[in-house]
Amino acid sequence: MLFSKSEATQLIGYLEDLLSGTGQYAHYHLNNSNYSKEITIALYDKNGCLDNFAKKYKELILSEE
């Protein structure tokens, strides 16, 4: 995926929040400038940290491993 400088800066901020555990959210949505594309950023651990995800997303995440 390609990012503009502002998108990359926003992504770094989201990742820092997730890694520090001090962020307000368990996941973030990063949109391009015209909101036509979006990615969801989240941390997960298949040993229990998937509890906050809907079943269909758990299955999708686990199928990627």
Protein backbone atom coordinates (compact mmCIF):
# COMPACT_ATOMS: atom_id res chain seq x y z
CA MET A 1 0.00 0.00 0.00
CA LEU A 2 1.24 3.48 -0.82
CA PHE A 3 0.81 6.37 1.60
CA SER A 4 1.03 10.12 1.28
CA LYS A 5 3.23 11.88 3.83
CA SER A 6 0.19 12.95 5.89
CA GLU A 7 -1.30 9.43 5.78
CA ALA A 8 2.02 7.95 6.88
CA THR A 9 2.22 10.44 9.75
CA GLN A 10 -1.31 9.56 10.83
CA LEU A 11 -0.51 5.83 10.58
CA ILE A 12 2.56 6.27 12.78
CA GLY A 13 0.47 8.10 15.39
CA TYR A 14 -2.15 5.34 15.38
CA LEU A 15 0.50 2.64 15.74
CA GLU A 16 2.20 4.49 18.59
CA ASP A 17 -1.15 4.74 20.42
CA LEU A 18 -1.84 1.04 19.91
CA LEU A 19 1.64 -0.02 21.01
CA SER A 20 1.66 2.19 24.10
CA GLY A 21 -1.80 1.08 25.16
CA THR A 22 -2.65 4.66 26.06
CA GLY A 23 -4.86 5.36 23.05
CA GLN A 24 -8.58 5.86 23.37
CA TYR A 25 -9.45 3.19 20.77
CA ALA A 26 -8.71 -0.52 20.19
CA HIS A 27 -8.48 0.11 16.44
CA TYR A 28 -8.24 2.98 13.99
CA HIS A 29 -9.45 3.65 10.46
CA LEU A 30 -6.98 5.30 8.12
CA ASN A 31 -8.64 6.93 5.11
CA ASN A 32 -7.13 8.47 2.04
CA SER A 33 -7.76 12.17 1.38
CA ASN A 34 -11.11 11.70 -0.40
CA TYR A 35 -12.30 8.81 1.83
CA SER A 36 -12.52 6.41 -1.11
CA LYS A 37 -10.15 3.89 0.52
CA GLU A 38 -9.82 2.84 4.13
CA ILE A 39 -7.70 0.43 6.13
CA THR A 40 -8.31 -0.65 9.70
CA ILE A 41 -5.32 -0.74 12.04
CA ALA A 42 -5.43 -2.90 15.15
CA LEU A 43 -3.22 -5.12 17.27
CA TYR A 44 -4.28 -8.65 18.00
CA ASP A 45 -3.08 -11.79 19.71
CA LYS A 46 -4.67 -15.08 18.73
CA ASN A 47 -4.33 -16.20 22.35
CA GLY A 48 -7.13 -13.99 23.59
CA CYS A 49 -6.86 -10.44 22.30
CA LEU A 50 -9.31 -11.13 19.50
CA ASP A 51 -12.22 -10.90 21.93
CA ASN A 52 -13.16 -7.38 20.82
CA PHE A 53 -13.52 -8.43 17.19
CA ALA A 54 -16.72 -9.69 15.57
CA LYS A 55 -16.72 -13.40 14.74
CA LYS A 56 -16.32 -12.85 10.99
CA TYR A 57 -13.25 -10.67 11.57
CA LYS A 58 -11.71 -13.18 14.00
CA GLU A 59 -12.08 -15.87 11.36
CA LEU A 60 -10.55 -13.65 8.69
CA ILE A 61 -7.58 -12.70 10.88
CA LEU A 62 -6.89 -16.29 11.91
CA SER A 63 -7.16 -17.51 8.30
CA GLU A 64 -4.28 -15.20 7.33
CA GLU A 65 -1.77 -17.02 9.56
